[in-house]
N, C-alpha and C. Protein backbone atom coordinates (compact mmCIF):
# COMPACT_ATOMS: atom_id res chain seq x y z
N MET A 1 -18.77 -5.05 -6.31
CA MET A 1 -17.35 -4.80 -6.10
C MET A 1 -16.60 -6.11 -6.31
N ASN A 2 -15.50 -6.07 -7.07
CA ASN A 2 -14.75 -7.30 -7.27
C ASN A 2 -13.62 -7.41 -6.26
N SER A 3 -12.97 -8.56 -6.23
CA SER A 3 -11.92 -8.78 -5.23
C SER A 3 -10.72 -7.86 -5.43
N ASN A 4 -10.44 -7.46 -6.69
CA ASN A 4 -9.33 -6.53 -6.93
C ASN A 4 -9.62 -5.18 -6.29
N THR A 5 -10.85 -4.71 -6.44
CA THR A 5 -11.25 -3.44 -5.85
C THR A 5 -11.25 -3.53 -4.33
N GLU A 6 -11.72 -4.65 -3.81
CA GLU A 6 -11.73 -4.84 -2.35
C GLU A 6 -10.31 -4.82 -1.79
N LEU A 7 -9.38 -5.50 -2.46
CA LEU A 7 -7.99 -5.49 -2.01
C LEU A 7 -7.45 -4.07 -2.04
N GLY A 8 -7.72 -3.33 -3.11
CA GLY A 8 -7.24 -1.95 -3.23
C GLY A 8 -7.77 -1.07 -2.11
N GLU A 9 -9.05 -1.19 -1.81
CA GLU A 9 -9.64 -0.39 -0.72
C GLU A 9 -9.01 -0.77 0.62
N PHE A 10 -8.81 -2.05 0.83
CA PHE A 10 -8.18 -2.51 2.07
C PHE A 10 -6.78 -1.93 2.21
N LEU A 11 -6.00 -1.97 1.13
CA LEU A 11 -4.63 -1.44 1.17
C LEU A 11 -4.63 0.06 1.47
N LYS A 12 -5.53 0.81 0.86
CA LYS A 12 -5.61 2.26 1.10
C LYS A 12 -5.92 2.55 2.57
N VAL A 13 -6.90 1.84 3.11
CA VAL A 13 -7.30 2.07 4.50
C VAL A 13 -6.15 1.73 5.44
N ARG A 14 -5.51 0.60 5.22
CA ARG A 14 -4.41 0.18 6.10
C ARG A 14 -3.22 1.13 5.99
N ARG A 15 -2.92 1.59 4.78
CA ARG A 15 -1.79 2.51 4.58
C ARG A 15 -2.02 3.80 5.34
N ALA A 16 -3.26 4.27 5.36
CA ALA A 16 -3.59 5.52 6.05
C ALA A 16 -3.45 5.40 7.56
N LEU A 17 -3.55 4.18 8.08
CA LEU A 17 -3.49 3.98 9.53
C LEU A 17 -2.07 3.87 10.09
N VAL A 18 -1.09 3.68 9.22
CA VAL A 18 0.29 3.49 9.67
C VAL A 18 1.02 4.82 9.64
N SER A 19 1.52 5.24 10.79
CA SER A 19 2.25 6.51 10.87
C SER A 19 3.70 6.31 10.44
N PRO A 20 4.25 7.29 9.73
CA PRO A 20 5.67 7.20 9.37
C PRO A 20 6.54 7.28 10.62
N ALA A 21 7.64 6.56 10.59
CA ALA A 21 8.58 6.57 11.72
C ALA A 21 9.25 7.93 11.82
N GLY A 22 9.50 8.36 13.02
CA GLY A 22 10.27 9.57 13.24
C GLY A 22 9.50 10.86 13.08
N ASP A 23 8.26 10.89 13.05
CA ASP A 23 7.39 12.05 12.91
C ASP A 23 8.05 13.42 12.85
N GLY A 24 9.35 13.52 12.75
CA GLY A 24 10.02 14.81 12.71
C GLY A 24 10.13 15.38 11.32
N GLY A 25 9.64 14.67 10.31
CA GLY A 25 9.74 15.12 8.93
C GLY A 25 8.71 16.18 8.60
N PRO A 26 8.67 16.53 7.32
CA PRO A 26 7.70 17.55 6.90
C PRO A 26 6.27 17.06 7.09
N ARG A 27 5.36 18.01 7.31
CA ARG A 27 3.95 17.66 7.50
C ARG A 27 3.41 17.07 6.21
N ARG A 28 2.52 16.13 6.37
CA ARG A 28 1.92 15.48 5.21
C ARG A 28 0.47 15.91 5.08
N ARG A 29 0.02 16.02 3.85
CA ARG A 29 -1.38 16.40 3.60
C ARG A 29 -2.32 15.23 3.86
N VAL A 30 -1.81 14.02 3.68
CA VAL A 30 -2.63 12.82 3.85
C VAL A 30 -2.02 11.96 4.95
N PRO A 31 -2.84 11.44 5.86
CA PRO A 31 -2.28 10.63 6.94
C PRO A 31 -1.71 9.31 6.42
N GLY A 32 -0.76 8.78 7.16
CA GLY A 32 -0.23 7.46 6.84
C GLY A 32 1.00 7.50 5.96
N LEU A 33 1.37 6.30 5.51
CA LEU A 33 2.54 6.15 4.67
C LEU A 33 2.22 6.49 3.21
N ARG A 34 3.25 6.87 2.49
CA ARG A 34 3.12 7.06 1.05
C ARG A 34 3.19 5.69 0.38
N ARG A 35 2.65 5.62 -0.83
CA ARG A 35 2.72 4.35 -1.56
C ARG A 35 4.15 3.86 -1.71
N GLU A 36 5.07 4.78 -1.98
CA GLU A 36 6.47 4.42 -2.16
C GLU A 36 7.03 3.77 -0.90
N GLU A 37 6.64 4.28 0.24
CA GLU A 37 7.14 3.74 1.51
C GLU A 37 6.62 2.33 1.76
N VAL A 38 5.35 2.11 1.45
CA VAL A 38 4.78 0.77 1.61
C VAL A 38 5.46 -0.20 0.65
N ALA A 39 5.67 0.22 -0.58
CA ALA A 39 6.30 -0.63 -1.57
C ALA A 39 7.70 -1.06 -1.12
N VAL A 40 8.47 -0.12 -0.61
CA VAL A 40 9.82 -0.44 -0.13
C VAL A 40 9.75 -1.45 1.02
N LEU A 41 8.86 -1.21 1.96
CA LEU A 41 8.73 -2.12 3.10
C LEU A 41 8.29 -3.52 2.67
N ALA A 42 7.47 -3.61 1.63
CA ALA A 42 6.97 -4.91 1.16
C ALA A 42 7.92 -5.56 0.14
N GLY A 43 8.91 -4.80 -0.33
CA GLY A 43 9.86 -5.36 -1.29
C GLY A 43 9.30 -5.49 -2.70
N VAL A 44 8.40 -4.57 -3.07
CA VAL A 44 7.84 -4.56 -4.43
C VAL A 44 8.06 -3.17 -5.02
N SER A 45 7.88 -3.07 -6.33
CA SER A 45 8.04 -1.76 -6.95
C SER A 45 6.84 -0.87 -6.61
N THR A 46 7.08 0.43 -6.66
CA THR A 46 6.00 1.38 -6.40
C THR A 46 4.90 1.23 -7.45
N ASP A 47 5.29 1.01 -8.70
CA ASP A 47 4.31 0.84 -9.76
C ASP A 47 3.43 -0.38 -9.50
N TYR A 48 4.02 -1.48 -9.09
CA TYR A 48 3.26 -2.69 -8.81
C TYR A 48 2.30 -2.47 -7.63
N TYR A 49 2.80 -1.84 -6.57
CA TYR A 49 1.93 -1.55 -5.42
C TYR A 49 0.77 -0.66 -5.84
N THR A 50 1.05 0.36 -6.65
CA THR A 50 0.00 1.26 -7.12
C THR A 50 -1.05 0.49 -7.92
N GLN A 51 -0.61 -0.44 -8.77
CA GLN A 51 -1.54 -1.26 -9.53
C GLN A 51 -2.43 -2.09 -8.60
N LEU A 52 -1.84 -2.64 -7.55
CA LEU A 52 -2.63 -3.41 -6.58
C LEU A 52 -3.67 -2.52 -5.91
N GLU A 53 -3.24 -1.35 -5.47
CA GLU A 53 -4.13 -0.46 -4.75
C GLU A 53 -5.26 0.06 -5.65
N GLN A 54 -4.98 0.22 -6.91
CA GLN A 54 -5.99 0.71 -7.84
C GLN A 54 -6.82 -0.42 -8.46
N GLY A 55 -6.56 -1.66 -8.07
CA GLY A 55 -7.32 -2.78 -8.57
C GLY A 55 -7.02 -3.16 -10.00
N ARG A 56 -5.83 -2.78 -10.49
CA ARG A 56 -5.47 -3.06 -11.88
C ARG A 56 -4.66 -4.33 -12.03
N HIS A 57 -4.26 -4.98 -10.95
CA HIS A 57 -3.49 -6.21 -11.03
C HIS A 57 -4.38 -7.36 -10.60
N LYS A 58 -4.44 -8.40 -11.42
CA LYS A 58 -5.41 -9.47 -11.22
C LYS A 58 -5.13 -10.37 -10.02
N ARG A 59 -3.93 -10.92 -9.94
CA ARG A 59 -3.66 -11.93 -8.91
C ARG A 59 -2.29 -11.76 -8.27
N PRO A 60 -2.21 -11.02 -7.18
CA PRO A 60 -0.91 -10.94 -6.49
C PRO A 60 -0.58 -12.29 -5.89
N SER A 61 0.70 -12.60 -5.85
CA SER A 61 1.13 -13.89 -5.29
C SER A 61 0.95 -13.89 -3.77
N GLU A 62 0.96 -15.08 -3.22
CA GLU A 62 0.84 -15.21 -1.77
C GLU A 62 2.01 -14.55 -1.06
N SER A 63 3.19 -14.60 -1.68
CA SER A 63 4.36 -13.97 -1.04
C SER A 63 4.21 -12.45 -1.00
N VAL A 64 3.63 -11.87 -2.05
CA VAL A 64 3.39 -10.41 -2.05
C VAL A 64 2.35 -10.06 -1.00
N LEU A 65 1.26 -10.82 -0.95
CA LEU A 65 0.24 -10.56 0.06
C LEU A 65 0.82 -10.70 1.46
N GLY A 66 1.68 -11.69 1.67
CA GLY A 66 2.33 -11.86 2.96
C GLY A 66 3.23 -10.69 3.31
N ALA A 67 3.96 -10.20 2.33
CA ALA A 67 4.85 -9.05 2.57
C ALA A 67 4.04 -7.80 2.91
N LEU A 68 2.89 -7.64 2.28
CA LEU A 68 2.05 -6.49 2.55
C LEU A 68 1.37 -6.60 3.92
N ALA A 69 1.13 -7.81 4.35
CA ALA A 69 0.50 -8.03 5.65
C ALA A 69 1.45 -7.63 6.75
């Protein structure tokens, strides 16, 4: 497993553990936040976040990693 894949797996697991605020919305098929929601919170595009999660982006900057943390 390479570090890109490890980062992607970590992001997926962490995203699944975070509940959306206000639980009064429609039921979700998958637990946790949607990729779009994480991207907005981290200040990155949904496409970029998806690339990180899928291990397709080589080197995210420290500021992006900090925002995701």
